[in-house]
Full PDB file with SEQRES, HELIX, SHEET, SSBOND, CRYST1, ORIGX, SCALE, CONECT and MASTER records, all heavy atoms in Angstrom:
SEQRES   1 A   42  CYS ALA PRO GLU GLY LYS ASP THR THR PHE ALA LEU GLU          
SEQRES   2 A   42  VAL TYR LEU SER SER PRO THR PRO GLU ASP VAL PRO GLU          
SEQRES   3 A   42  ARG ARG LYS ALA LEU GLU ARG PHE LEU ARG SER TYR LEU          
SEQRES   4 A   42  PRO THR ALA                                                  
HELIX    1 AA1 PRO A    3  GLY A    5  5                                   3    
HELIX    2 AA2 VAL A   24  THR A   41  1                                  18    
CRYST1    1.000    1.000    1.000  90.00  90.00  90.00 P 1           1          
ORIGX1      1.000000  0.000000  0.000000        0.00000                         
ORIGX2      0.000000  1.000000  0.000000        0.00000                         
ORIGX3      0.000000  0.000000  1.000000        0.00000                         
SCALE1      1.000000  0.000000  0.000000        0.00000                         
SCALE2      0.000000  1.000000  0.000000        0.00000                         
SCALE3      0.000000  0.000000  1.000000        0.00000                         
ATOM      1  N   CYS A   1      73.261 209.638 -92.842  1.00  0.00           N  
ATOM      2  CA  CYS A   1      72.678 210.049 -94.115  1.00  0.00           C  
ATOM      3  C   CYS A   1      72.749 211.569 -94.174  1.00  0.00           C  
ATOM      4  O   CYS A   1      72.338 212.236 -93.227  1.00  0.00           O  
ATOM      5  CB  CYS A   1      71.228 209.589 -94.186  1.00  0.00           C  
ATOM      6  SG  CYS A   1      70.300 210.210 -95.601  1.00  0.00           S  
ATOM      7  N   ALA A   2      73.255 212.088 -95.256  1.00  0.00           N  
ATOM      8  CA  ALA A   2      73.354 213.536 -95.391  1.00  0.00           C  
ATOM      9  C   ALA A   2      72.646 214.010 -96.655  1.00  0.00           C  
ATOM     10  O   ALA A   2      73.282 214.450 -97.600  1.00  0.00           O  
ATOM     11  CB  ALA A   2      74.826 213.948 -95.408  1.00  0.00           C  
ATOM     12  N   PRO A   3      71.314 213.914 -96.691  1.00  0.00           N  
ATOM     13  CA  PRO A   3      70.623 214.445 -97.865  1.00  0.00           C  
ATOM     14  C   PRO A   3      70.552 215.968 -97.783  1.00  0.00           C  
ATOM     15  O   PRO A   3      70.400 216.534 -96.703  1.00  0.00           O  
ATOM     16  CB  PRO A   3      69.234 213.818 -97.771  1.00  0.00           C  
ATOM     17  CG  PRO A   3      69.018 213.623 -96.307  1.00  0.00           C  
ATOM     18  CD  PRO A   3      70.384 213.336 -95.731  1.00  0.00           C  
ATOM     19  N   GLU A   4      70.694 216.621 -98.899  1.00  0.00           N  
ATOM     20  CA  GLU A   4      70.548 218.068 -98.992  1.00  0.00           C  
ATOM     21  C   GLU A   4      71.403 218.818 -97.974  1.00  0.00           C  
ATOM     22  O   GLU A   4      70.984 219.849 -97.435  1.00  0.00           O  
ATOM     23  CB  GLU A   4      69.075 218.455 -98.846  1.00  0.00           C  
ATOM     24  CG  GLU A   4      68.192 217.791 -99.889  1.00  0.00           C  
ATOM     25  CD  GLU A   4      66.713 217.999 -99.626  1.00  0.00           C  
ATOM     26  OE1 GLU A   4      66.342 218.942 -98.907  1.00  0.00           O  
ATOM     27  OE2 GLU A   4      65.936 217.210-100.158  1.00  0.00           O  
ATOM     28  N   GLY A   5      72.589 218.305 -97.659  1.00  0.00           N  
ATOM     29  CA  GLY A   5      73.518 219.008 -96.791  1.00  0.00           C  
ATOM     30  C   GLY A   5      73.183 218.998 -95.315  1.00  0.00           C  
ATOM     31  O   GLY A   5      73.843 219.660 -94.527  1.00  0.00           O  
ATOM     32  N   LYS A   6      72.167 218.263 -94.891  1.00  0.00           N  
ATOM     33  CA  LYS A   6      71.793 218.213 -93.476  1.00  0.00           C  
ATOM     34  C   LYS A   6      72.330 216.921 -92.867  1.00  0.00           C  
ATOM     35  O   LYS A   6      72.290 215.876 -93.499  1.00  0.00           O  
ATOM     36  CB  LYS A   6      70.280 218.249 -93.315  1.00  0.00           C  
ATOM     37  CG  LYS A   6      69.646 219.503 -93.856  1.00  0.00           C  
ATOM     38  CD  LYS A   6      68.139 219.402 -93.747  1.00  0.00           C  
ATOM     39  CE  LYS A   6      67.486 220.591 -94.423  1.00  0.00           C  
ATOM     40  NZ  LYS A   6      66.049 220.468 -94.492  1.00  0.00           N  
ATOM     41  N   ASP A   7      72.807 217.011 -91.634  1.00  0.00           N  
ATOM     42  CA  ASP A   7      73.248 215.802 -90.939  1.00  0.00           C  
ATOM     43  C   ASP A   7      72.019 215.116 -90.353  1.00  0.00           C  
ATOM     44  O   ASP A   7      71.331 215.675 -89.507  1.00  0.00           O  
ATOM     45  CB  ASP A   7      74.230 216.144 -89.820  1.00  0.00           C  
ATOM     46  CG  ASP A   7      75.571 216.570 -90.376  1.00  0.00           C  
ATOM     47  OD1 ASP A   7      75.931 216.086 -91.456  1.00  0.00           O  
ATOM     48  OD2 ASP A   7      76.251 217.390 -89.734  1.00  0.00           O  
ATOM     49  N   THR A   8      71.744 213.945 -90.833  1.00  0.00           N  
ATOM     50  CA  THR A   8      70.612 213.168 -90.336  1.00  0.00           C  
ATOM     51  C   THR A   8      71.029 211.717 -90.210  1.00  0.00           C  
ATOM     52  O   THR A   8      72.092 211.315 -90.658  1.00  0.00           O  
ATOM     53  CB  THR A   8      69.383 213.252 -91.273  1.00  0.00           C  
ATOM     54  OG1 THR A   8      69.746 212.745 -92.552  1.00  0.00           O  
ATOM     55  CG2 THR A   8      68.881 214.680 -91.430  1.00  0.00           C  
ATOM     56  N   THR A   9      70.151 210.959 -89.613  1.00  0.00           N  
ATOM     57  CA  THR A   9      70.328 209.520 -89.516  1.00  0.00           C  
ATOM     58  C   THR A   9      69.212 208.878 -90.320  1.00  0.00           C  
ATOM     59  O   THR A   9      68.053 209.283 -90.233  1.00  0.00           O  
ATOM     60  CB  THR A   9      70.237 209.059 -88.045  1.00  0.00           C  
ATOM     61  OG1 THR A   9      71.307 209.665 -87.324  1.00  0.00           O  
ATOM     62  CG2 THR A   9      70.338 207.551 -87.929  1.00  0.00           C  
ATOM     63  N   PHE A  10      69.566 207.892 -91.113  1.00  0.00           N  
ATOM     64  CA  PHE A  10      68.573 207.119 -91.846  1.00  0.00           C  
ATOM     65  C   PHE A  10      68.194 205.936 -90.965  1.00  0.00           C  
ATOM     66  O   PHE A  10      69.062 205.208 -90.477  1.00  0.00           O  
ATOM     67  CB  PHE A  10      69.160 206.623 -93.170  1.00  0.00           C  
ATOM     68  CG  PHE A  10      68.232 205.732 -93.952  1.00  0.00           C  
ATOM     69  CD1 PHE A  10      67.185 206.270 -94.679  1.00  0.00           C  
ATOM     70  CD2 PHE A  10      68.410 204.359 -93.953  1.00  0.00           C  
ATOM     71  CE1 PHE A  10      66.329 205.444 -95.399  1.00  0.00           C  
ATOM     72  CE2 PHE A  10      67.559 203.534 -94.668  1.00  0.00           C  
ATOM     73  CZ  PHE A  10      66.518 204.079 -95.398  1.00  0.00           C  
ATOM     74  N   ALA A  11      66.901 205.770 -90.712  1.00  0.00           N  
ATOM     75  CA  ALA A  11      66.416 204.660 -89.889  1.00  0.00           C  
ATOM     76  C   ALA A  11      65.530 203.770 -90.745  1.00  0.00           C  
ATOM     77  O   ALA A  11      64.608 204.248 -91.405  1.00  0.00           O  
ATOM     78  CB  ALA A  11      65.632 205.189 -88.694  1.00  0.00           C  
ATOM     79  N   LEU A  12      65.833 202.490 -90.727  1.00  0.00           N  
ATOM     80  CA  LEU A  12      65.060 201.485 -91.453  1.00  0.00           C  
ATOM     81  C   LEU A  12      64.510 200.503 -90.433  1.00  0.00           C  
ATOM     82  O   LEU A  12      65.269 199.809 -89.759  1.00  0.00           O  
ATOM     83  CB  LEU A  12      65.958 200.753 -92.457  1.00  0.00           C  
ATOM     84  CG  LEU A  12      65.352 199.551 -93.179  1.00  0.00           C  
ATOM     85  CD1 LEU A  12      64.182 199.982 -94.065  1.00  0.00           C  
ATOM     86  CD2 LEU A  12      66.415 198.841 -94.003  1.00  0.00           C  
ATOM     87  N   GLU A  13      63.176 200.465 -90.310  1.00  0.00           N  
ATOM     88  CA  GLU A  13      62.526 199.539 -89.384  1.00  0.00           C  
ATOM     89  C   GLU A  13      61.716 198.542 -90.188  1.00  0.00           C  
ATOM     90  O   GLU A  13      60.997 198.905 -91.114  1.00  0.00           O  
ATOM     91  CB  GLU A  13      61.611 200.295 -88.428  1.00  0.00           C  
ATOM     92  CG  GLU A  13      60.984 199.399 -87.389  1.00  0.00           C  
ATOM     93  CD  GLU A  13      60.173 200.168 -86.352  1.00  0.00           C  
ATOM     94  OE1 GLU A  13      60.247 201.414 -86.313  1.00  0.00           O  
ATOM     95  OE2 GLU A  13      59.467 199.505 -85.578  1.00  0.00           O  
ATOM     96  N   VAL A  14      61.853 197.284 -89.845  1.00  0.00           N  
ATOM     97  CA  VAL A  14      61.105 196.208 -90.500  1.00  0.00           C  
ATOM     98  C   VAL A  14      60.384 195.418 -89.421  1.00  0.00           C  
ATOM     99  O   VAL A  14      60.987 195.038 -88.411  1.00  0.00           O  
ATOM    100  CB  VAL A  14      62.043 195.277 -91.303  1.00  0.00           C  
ATOM    101  CG1 VAL A  14      61.268 194.112 -91.899  1.00  0.00           C  
ATOM    102  CG2 VAL A  14      62.765 196.051 -92.393  1.00  0.00           C  
ATOM    103  N   TYR A  15      59.101 195.188 -89.636  1.00  0.00           N  
ATOM    104  CA  TYR A  15      58.287 194.397 -88.711  1.00  0.00           C  
ATOM    105  C   TYR A  15      57.668 193.239 -89.482  1.00  0.00           C  
ATOM    106  O   TYR A  15      57.109 193.429 -90.561  1.00  0.00           O  
ATOM    107  CB  TYR A  15      57.189 195.266 -88.086  1.00  0.00           C  
ATOM    108  CG  TYR A  15      56.165 194.478 -87.310  1.00  0.00           C  
ATOM    109  CD1 TYR A  15      56.529 193.763 -86.170  1.00  0.00           C  
ATOM    110  CD2 TYR A  15      54.847 194.422 -87.727  1.00  0.00           C  
ATOM    111  CE1 TYR A  15      55.591 193.026 -85.466  1.00  0.00           C  
ATOM    112  CE2 TYR A  15      53.904 193.695 -87.022  1.00  0.00           C  
ATOM    113  CZ  TYR A  15      54.274 193.004 -85.892  1.00  0.00           C  
ATOM    114  OH  TYR A  15      53.356 192.266 -85.203  1.00  0.00           O  
ATOM    115  N   LEU A  16      57.786 192.038 -88.929  1.00  0.00           N  
ATOM    116  CA  LEU A  16      57.207 190.837 -89.531  1.00  0.00           C  
ATOM    117  C   LEU A  16      55.931 190.498 -88.759  1.00  0.00           C  
ATOM    118  O   LEU A  16      56.003 190.100 -87.598  1.00  0.00           O  
ATOM    119  CB  LEU A  16      58.202 189.677 -89.460  1.00  0.00           C  
ATOM    120  CG  LEU A  16      59.583 189.964 -90.054  1.00  0.00           C  
ATOM    121  CD1 LEU A  16      60.520 188.799 -89.812  1.00  0.00           C  
ATOM    122  CD2 LEU A  16      59.483 190.292 -91.521  1.00  0.00           C  
ATOM    123  N   SER A  17      54.789 190.668 -89.401  1.00  0.00           N  
ATOM    124  CA  SER A  17      53.517 190.481 -88.691  1.00  0.00           C  
ATOM    125  C   SER A  17      52.960 189.066 -88.796  1.00  0.00           C  
ATOM    126  O   SER A  17      51.937 188.771 -88.199  1.00  0.00           O  
ATOM    127  CB  SER A  17      52.471 191.465 -89.218  1.00  0.00           C  
ATOM    128  OG  SER A  17      52.122 191.145 -90.546  1.00  0.00           O  
ATOM    129  N   SER A  18      53.629 188.205 -89.529  1.00  0.00           N  
ATOM    130  CA  SER A  18      53.147 186.823 -89.633  1.00  0.00           C  
ATOM    131  C   SER A  18      53.409 186.094 -88.312  1.00  0.00           C  
ATOM    132  O   SER A  18      54.256 186.498 -87.531  1.00  0.00           O  
ATOM    133  CB  SER A  18      53.826 186.105 -90.796  1.00  0.00           C  
ATOM    134  OG  SER A  18      55.215 186.148 -90.650  1.00  0.00           O  
ATOM    135  N   PRO A  19      52.671 185.032 -88.062  1.00  0.00           N  
ATOM    136  CA  PRO A  19      52.880 184.279 -86.822  1.00  0.00           C  
ATOM    137  C   PRO A  19      54.339 183.840 -86.670  1.00  0.00           C  
ATOM    138  O   PRO A  19      55.010 183.524 -87.653  1.00  0.00           O  
ATOM    139  CB  PRO A  19      51.966 183.065 -86.982  1.00  0.00           C  
ATOM    140  CG  PRO A  19      50.925 183.497 -87.960  1.00  0.00           C  
ATOM    141  CD  PRO A  19      51.614 184.455 -88.893  1.00  0.00           C  
ATOM    142  N   THR A  20      54.824 183.853 -85.448  1.00  0.00           N  
ATOM    143  CA  THR A  20      56.202 183.451 -85.176  1.00  0.00           C  
ATOM    144  C   THR A  20      56.367 181.965 -85.493  1.00  0.00           C  
ATOM    145  O   THR A  20      55.629 181.135 -84.976  1.00  0.00           O  
ATOM    146  CB  THR A  20      56.570 183.722 -83.707  1.00  0.00           C  
ATOM    147  OG1 THR A  20      56.322 185.109 -83.440  1.00  0.00           O  
ATOM    148  CG2 THR A  20      58.030 183.409 -83.432  1.00  0.00           C  
ATOM    149  N   PRO A  21      57.328 181.633 -86.348  1.00  0.00           N  
ATOM    150  CA  PRO A  21      57.529 180.226 -86.708  1.00  0.00           C  
ATOM    151  C   PRO A  21      58.227 179.458 -85.591  1.00  0.00           C  
ATOM    152  O   PRO A  21      58.755 180.047 -84.653  1.00  0.00           O  
ATOM    153  CB  PRO A  21      58.426 180.317 -87.942  1.00  0.00           C  
ATOM    154  CG  PRO A  21      59.217 181.560 -87.716  1.00  0.00           C  
ATOM    155  CD  PRO A  21      58.282 182.511 -87.007  1.00  0.00           C  
ATOM    156  N   GLU A  22      58.222 178.145 -85.725  1.00  0.00           N  
ATOM    157  CA  GLU A  22      58.936 177.311 -84.753  1.00  0.00           C  
ATOM    158  C   GLU A  22      60.439 177.555 -84.814  1.00  0.00           C  
ATOM    159  O   GLU A  22      61.118 177.538 -83.802  1.00  0.00           O  
ATOM    160  CB  GLU A  22      58.626 175.835 -84.995  1.00  0.00           C  
ATOM    161  CG  GLU A  22      57.209 175.459 -84.619  1.00  0.00           C  
ATOM    162  CD  GLU A  22      56.932 173.980 -84.835  1.00  0.00           C  
ATOM    163  OE1 GLU A  22      57.891 173.177 -84.783  1.00  0.00           O  
ATOM    164  OE2 GLU A  22      55.766 173.645 -85.049  1.00  0.00           O  
ATOM    165  N   ASP A  23      60.949 177.797 -86.018  1.00  0.00           N  
ATOM    166  CA  ASP A  23      62.386 177.994 -86.202  1.00  0.00           C  
ATOM    167  C   ASP A  23      62.719 179.491 -86.242  1.00  0.00           C  
ATOM    168  O   ASP A  23      63.027 180.054 -87.287  1.00  0.00           O  
ATOM    169  CB  ASP A  23      62.849 177.302 -87.482  1.00  0.00           C  
ATOM    170  CG  ASP A  23      64.367 177.188 -87.564  1.00  0.00           C  
ATOM    171  OD1 ASP A  23      65.060 177.752 -86.689  1.00  0.00           O  
ATOM    172  OD2 ASP A  23      64.855 176.545 -88.500  1.00  0.00           O  
ATOM    173  N   VAL A  24      62.643 180.143 -85.077  1.00  0.00           N  
ATOM    174  CA  VAL A  24      62.909 181.581 -84.980  1.00  0.00           C  
ATOM    175  C   VAL A  24      64.339 181.919 -85.411  1.00  0.00           C  
ATOM    176  O   VAL A  24      64.549 182.897 -86.132  1.00  0.00           O  
ATOM    177  CB  VAL A  24      62.599 182.106 -83.561  1.00  0.00           C  
ATOM    178  CG1 VAL A  24      63.035 183.555 -83.406  1.00  0.00           C  
ATOM    179  CG2 VAL A  24      61.119 181.963 -83.263  1.00  0.00           C  
ATOM    180  N   PRO A  25      65.366 181.138 -85.006  1.00  0.00           N  
ATOM    181  CA  PRO A  25      66.725 181.484 -85.444  1.00  0.00           C  
ATOM    182  C   PRO A  25      66.865 181.526 -86.976  1.00  0.00           C  
ATOM    183  O   PRO A  25      67.561 182.385 -87.507  1.00  0.00           O  
ATOM    184  CB  PRO A  25      67.604 180.381 -84.846  1.00  0.00           C  
ATOM    185  CG  PRO A  25      66.844 179.934 -83.632  1.00  0.00           C  
ATOM    186  CD  PRO A  25      65.391 180.026 -84.037  1.00  0.00           C  
ATOM    187  N   GLU A  26      66.178 180.645 -87.669  1.00  0.00           N  
ATOM    188  CA  GLU A  26      66.261 180.645 -89.132  1.00  0.00           C  
ATOM    189  C   GLU A  26      65.581 181.890 -89.702  1.00  0.00           C  
ATOM    190  O   GLU A  26      66.068 182.496 -90.649  1.00  0.00           O  
ATOM    191  CB  GLU A  26      65.640 179.376 -89.727  1.00  0.00           C  
ATOM    192  CG  GLU A  26      65.817 179.258 -91.220  1.00  0.00           C  
ATOM    193  CD  GLU A  26      67.272 179.367 -91.687  1.00  0.00           C  
ATOM    194  OE1 GLU A  26      68.172 178.797 -91.033  1.00  0.00           O  
ATOM    195  OE2 GLU A  26      67.514 180.042 -92.706  1.00  0.00           O  
ATOM    196  N   ARG A  27      64.448 182.292 -89.125  1.00  0.00           N  
ATOM    197  CA  ARG A  27      63.783 183.507 -89.608  1.00  0.00           C  
ATOM    198  C   ARG A  27      64.654 184.736 -89.325  1.00  0.00           C  
ATOM    199  O   ARG A  27      64.736 185.636 -90.143  1.00  0.00           O  
ATOM    200  CB  ARG A  27      62.404 183.688 -88.985  1.00  0.00           C  
ATOM    201  CG  ARG A  27      61.752 184.981 -89.504  1.00  0.00           C  
ATOM    202  CD  ARG A  27      60.296 185.044 -89.343  1.00  0.00           C  
ATOM    203  NE  ARG A  27      59.946 185.517 -88.020  1.00  0.00           N  
ATOM    204  CZ  ARG A  27      58.708 185.870 -87.690  1.00  0.00           C  
ATOM    205  NH1 ARG A  27      57.738 185.794 -88.568  1.00  0.00           N  
ATOM    206  NH2 ARG A  27      58.452 186.270 -86.472  1.00  0.00           N  
ATOM    207  N   ARG A  28      65.332 184.769 -88.179  1.00  0.00           N  
ATOM    208  CA  ARG A  28      66.232 185.889 -87.878  1.00  0.00           C  
ATOM    209  C   ARG A  28      67.361 185.949 -88.912  1.00  0.00           C  
ATOM    210  O   ARG A  28      67.727 187.033 -89.369  1.00  0.00           O  
ATOM    211  CB  ARG A  28      66.806 185.763 -86.468  1.00  0.00           C  
ATOM    212  CG  ARG A  28      65.782 186.050 -85.379  1.00  0.00           C  
ATOM    213  CD  ARG A  28      66.355 185.786 -84.005  1.00  0.00           C  
ATOM    214  NE  ARG A  28      67.358 186.766 -83.650  1.00  0.00           N  
ATOM    215  CZ  ARG A  28      67.192 187.710 -82.713  1.00  0.00           C  
ATOM    216  NH1 ARG A  28      66.062 187.790 -82.045  1.00  0.00           N  
ATOM    217  NH2 ARG A  28      68.160 188.546 -82.446  1.00  0.00           N  
ATOM    218  N   LYS A  29      67.893 184.798 -89.296  1.00  0.00           N  
ATOM    219  CA  LYS A  29      68.940 184.771 -90.324  1.00  0.00           C  
ATOM    220  C   LYS A  29      68.396 185.269 -91.659  1.00  0.00           C  
ATOM    221  O   LYS A  29      69.070 186.007 -92.377  1.00  0.00           O  
ATOM    222  CB  LYS A  29      69.492 183.352 -90.493  1.00  0.00           C  
ATOM    223  CG  LYS A  29      70.350 182.887 -89.350  1.00  0.00           C  
ATOM    224  CD  LYS A  29      70.797 181.456 -89.568  1.00  0.00           C  
ATOM    225  CE  LYS A  29      71.427 180.869 -88.327  1.00  0.00           C  
ATOM    226  NZ  LYS A  29      71.682 179.428 -88.466  1.00  0.00           N  
ATOM    227  N   ALA A  30      67.175 184.851 -91.992  1.00  0.00           N  
ATOM    228  CA  ALA A  30      66.549 185.293 -93.246  1.00  0.00           C  
ATOM    229  C   ALA A  30      66.322 186.808 -93.224  1.00  0.00           C  
ATOM    230  O   ALA A  30      66.559 187.493 -94.222  1.00  0.00           O  
ATOM    231  CB  ALA A  30      65.228 184.552 -93.466  1.00  0.00           C  
ATOM    232  N   LEU A  31      65.877 187.342 -92.088  1.00  0.00           N  
ATOM    233  CA  LEU A  31      65.668 188.784 -91.960  1.00  0.00           C  
ATOM    234  C   LEU A  31      67.002 189.522 -92.099  1.00  0.00           C  
ATOM    235  O   LEU A  31      67.095 190.537 -92.788  1.00  0.00           O  
ATOM    236  CB  LEU A  31      64.998 189.113 -90.622  1.00  0.00           C  
ATOM    237  CG  LEU A  31      64.770 190.597 -90.331  1.00  0.00           C  
ATOM    238  CD1 LEU A  31      63.959 191.270 -91.426  1.00  0.00           C  
ATOM    239  CD2 LEU A  31      64.082 190.748 -88.969  1.00  0.00           C  
ATOM    240  N   GLU A  32      68.040 189.011 -91.483  1.00  0.00           N  
ATOM    241  CA  GLU A  32      69.357 189.648 -91.587  1.00  0.00           C  
ATOM    242  C   GLU A  32      69.850 189.648 -93.035  1.00  0.00           C  
ATOM    243  O   GLU A  32      70.367 190.664 -93.522  1.00  0.00           O  
ATOM    244  CB  GLU A  32      70.368 188.944 -90.686  1.00  0.00           C  
ATOM    245  CG  GLU A  32      71.709 189.636 -90.673  1.00  0.00           C  
ATOM    246  CD  GLU A  32      72.697 189.034 -89.682  1.00  0.00           C  
ATOM    247  OE1 GLU A  32      72.295 188.257 -88.792  1.00  0.00           O  
ATOM    248  OE2 GLU A  32      73.894 189.366 -89.814  1.00  0.00           O  
ATOM    249  N   ARG A  33      69.675 188.539 -93.753  1.00  0.00           N  
ATOM    250  CA  ARG A  33      70.093 188.494 -95.166  1.00  0.00           C  
ATOM    251  C   ARG A  33      69.328 189.532 -95.984  1.00  0.00           C  
ATOM    252  O   ARG A  33      69.904 190.233 -96.822  1.00  0.00           O  
ATOM    253  CB  ARG A  33      69.881 187.094 -95.745  1.00  0.00           C  
ATOM    254  CG  ARG A  33      70.897 186.068 -95.281  1.00  0.00           C  
ATOM    255  CD  ARG A  33      70.768 184.749 -96.021  1.00  0.00           C  
ATOM    256  NE  ARG A  33      69.510 184.073 -95.793  1.00  0.00           N  
ATOM    257  CZ  ARG A  33      69.282 183.185 -94.832  1.00  0.00           C  
ATOM    258  NH1 ARG A  33      70.260 182.835 -94.010  1.00  0.00           N  
ATOM    259  NH2 ARG A  33      68.101 182.602 -94.709  1.00  0.00           N  
ATOM    260  N   PHE A  34      68.014 189.628 -95.745  1.00  0.00           N  
ATOM    261  CA  PHE A  34      67.198 190.609 -96.458  1.00  0.00           C  
ATOM    262  C   PHE A  34      67.687 192.033 -96.155  1.00  0.00           C  
ATOM    263  O   PHE A  34      67.862 192.848 -97.060  1.00  0.00           O  
ATOM    264  CB  PHE A  34      65.721 190.468 -96.078  1.00  0.00           C  
ATOM    265  CG  PHE A  34      64.870 191.581 -96.622  1.00  0.00           C  
ATOM    266  CD1 PHE A  34      64.507 191.607 -97.957  1.00  0.00           C  
ATOM    267  CD2 PHE A  34      64.446 192.618 -95.803  1.00  0.00           C  
ATOM    268  CE1 PHE A  34      63.738 192.644 -98.473  1.00  0.00           C  
ATOM    269  CE2 PHE A  34      63.676 193.656 -96.295  1.00  0.00           C  
ATOM    270  CZ  PHE A  34      63.320 193.672 -97.642  1.00  0.00           C  
ATOM    271  N   LEU A  35      67.922 192.340 -94.886  1.00  0.00           N  
ATOM    272  CA  LEU A  35      68.340 193.685 -94.492  1.00  0.00           C  
ATOM    273  C   LEU A  35      69.685 194.068 -95.092  1.00  0.00           C  
ATOM    274  O   LEU A  35      69.877 195.197 -95.538  1.00  0.00           O  
ATOM    275  CB  LEU A  35      68.397 193.791 -92.969  1.00  0.00           C  
ATOM    276  CG  LEU A  35      67.037 193.718 -92.268  1.00  0.00           C  
ATOM    277  CD1 LEU A  35      67.230 193.541 -90.771  1.00  0.00           C  
ATOM    278  CD2 LEU A  35      66.195 194.932 -92.575  1.00  0.00           C  
ATOM    279  N   ARG A  36      70.621 193.140 -95.107  1.00  0.00           N  
ATOM    280  CA  ARG A  36      71.939 193.421 -95.688  1.00  0.00           C  
ATOM    281  C   ARG A  36      71.820 193.755 -97.175  1.00  0.00           C  
ATOM    282  O   ARG A  36      72.540 194.601 -97.699  1.00  0.00           O  
ATOM    283  CB  ARG A  36      72.888 192.244 -95.489  1.00  0.00           C  
ATOM    284  CG  ARG A  36      73.371 192.104 -94.064  1.00  0.00           C  
ATOM    285  CD  ARG A  36      74.430 191.020 -93.913  1.00  0.00           C  
ATOM    286  NE  ARG A  36      74.731 190.801 -92.525  1.00  0.00           N  
ATOM    287  CZ  ARG A  36      75.472 191.602 -91.771  1.00  0.00           C  
ATOM    288  NH1 ARG A  36      76.011 192.680 -92.299  1.00  0.00           N  
ATOM    289  NH2 ARG A  36      75.700 191.319 -90.505  1.00  0.00           N  
ATOM    290  N   SER A  37      70.907 193.112 -97.857  1.00  0.00           N  
ATOM    291  CA  SER A  37      70.697 193.355 -99.275  1.00  0.00           C  
ATOM    292  C   SER A  37      69.900 194.645 -99.513  1.00  0.00           C  
ATOM    293  O   SER A  37      70.215 195.418-100.418  1.00  0.00           O  
ATOM    294  CB  SER A  37      69.950 192.165 -99.882  1.00  0.00           C  
ATOM    295  OG  SER A  37      69.528 192.447-101.183  1.00  0.00           O  
ATOM    296  N   TYR A  38      68.881 194.880 -98.702  1.00  0.00           N  
ATOM    297  CA  TYR A  38      67.955 195.987 -98.926  1.00  0.00           C  
ATOM    298  C   TYR A  38      68.505 197.338 -98.470  1.00  0.00           C  
ATOM    299  O   TYR A  38      68.223 198.370 -99.090  1.00  0.00           O  
ATOM    300  CB  TYR A  38      66.629 195.686 -98.216  1.00  0.00           C  
ATOM    301  CG  TYR A  38      65.557 196.720 -98.413  1.00  0.00           C  
ATOM    302  CD1 TYR A  38      64.984 196.918 -99.665  1.00  0.00           C  
ATOM    303  CD2 TYR A  38      65.124 197.507 -97.360  1.00  0.00           C  
ATOM    304  CE1 TYR A  38      64.001 197.866 -99.856  1.00  0.00           C  
ATOM    305  CE2 TYR A  38      64.132 198.461 -97.541  1.00  0.00           C  
ATOM    306  CZ  TYR A  38      63.574 198.641 -98.795  1.00  0.00           C  
ATOM    307  OH  TYR A  38      62.604 199.581 -98.976  1.00  0.00           O  
ATOM    308  N   LEU A  39      69.291 197.383 -97.391  1.00  0.00           N  
ATOM    309  CA  LEU A  39      69.750 198.652 -96.833  1.00  0.00           C  
ATOM    310  C   LEU A  39      70.455 199.544 -97.852  1.00  0.00           C  
ATOM    311  O   LEU A  39      70.088 200.720 -97.983  1.00  0.00           O  
ATOM    312  CB  LEU A  39      70.640 198.431 -95.602  1.00  0.00           C  
ATOM    313  CG  LEU A  39      71.169 199.710 -94.957  1.00  0.00           C  
ATOM    314  CD1 LEU A  39      70.031 200.547 -94.381  1.00  0.00           C  
ATOM    315  CD2 LEU A  39      72.202 199.383 -93.894  1.00  0.00           C  
ATOM    316  N   PRO A  40      71.453 199.083 -98.600  1.00  0.00           N  
ATOM    317  CA  PRO A  40      72.132 199.984 -99.537  1.00  0.00           C  
ATOM    318  C   PRO A  40      71.180 200.577-100.588  1.00  0.00           C  
ATOM    319  O   PRO A  40      71.281 201.751-100.929  1.00  0.00           O  
ATOM    320  CB  PRO A  40      73.195 199.103-100.206  1.00  0.00           C  
ATOM    321  CG  PRO A  40      73.371 197.941 -99.301  1.00  0.00           C  
ATOM    322  CD  PRO A  40      72.066 197.754 -98.588  1.00  0.00           C  
ATOM    323  N   THR A  41      70.256 199.781-101.065  1.00  0.00           N  
ATOM    324  CA  THR A  41      69.287 200.251-102.055  1.00  0.00           C  
ATOM    325  C   THR A  41      68.348 201.276-101.449  1.00  0.00           C  
ATOM    326  O   THR A  41      68.040 202.300-102.049  1.00  0.00           O  
ATOM    327  CB  THR A  41      68.490 199.060-102.609  1.00  0.00           C  
ATOM    328  OG1 THR A  41      69.408 198.067-103.059  1.00  0.00           O  
ATOM    329  CG2 THR A  41      67.605 199.459-103.764  1.00  0.00           C  
ATOM    330  N   ALA A  42      67.884 201.006-100.216  1.00  0.00           N  
ATOM    331  CA  ALA A  42      66.970 201.928 -99.534  1.00  0.00           C  
ATOM    332  C   ALA A  42      67.668 203.250 -99.228  1.00  0.00           C  
ATOM    333  O   ALA A  42      67.059 204.320 -99.367  1.00  0.00           O  
ATOM    334  CB  ALA A  42      66.440 201.286 -98.259  1.00  0.00           C  
TER     335      ALA A  42                                                      
MASTER        0    0    0    2    0    0    0    6  334    1    0    4          
END                                                                             
């Protein structure tokens, strides 16, 4: 990320505080889909 002419890194951290579901792989896929969509906008 180079805002205002400075070399920087943009860091996006997401934490899910709800209880871990039984189907963790499905939640990981859902998180990945959300991140792929949200990152360009953010």
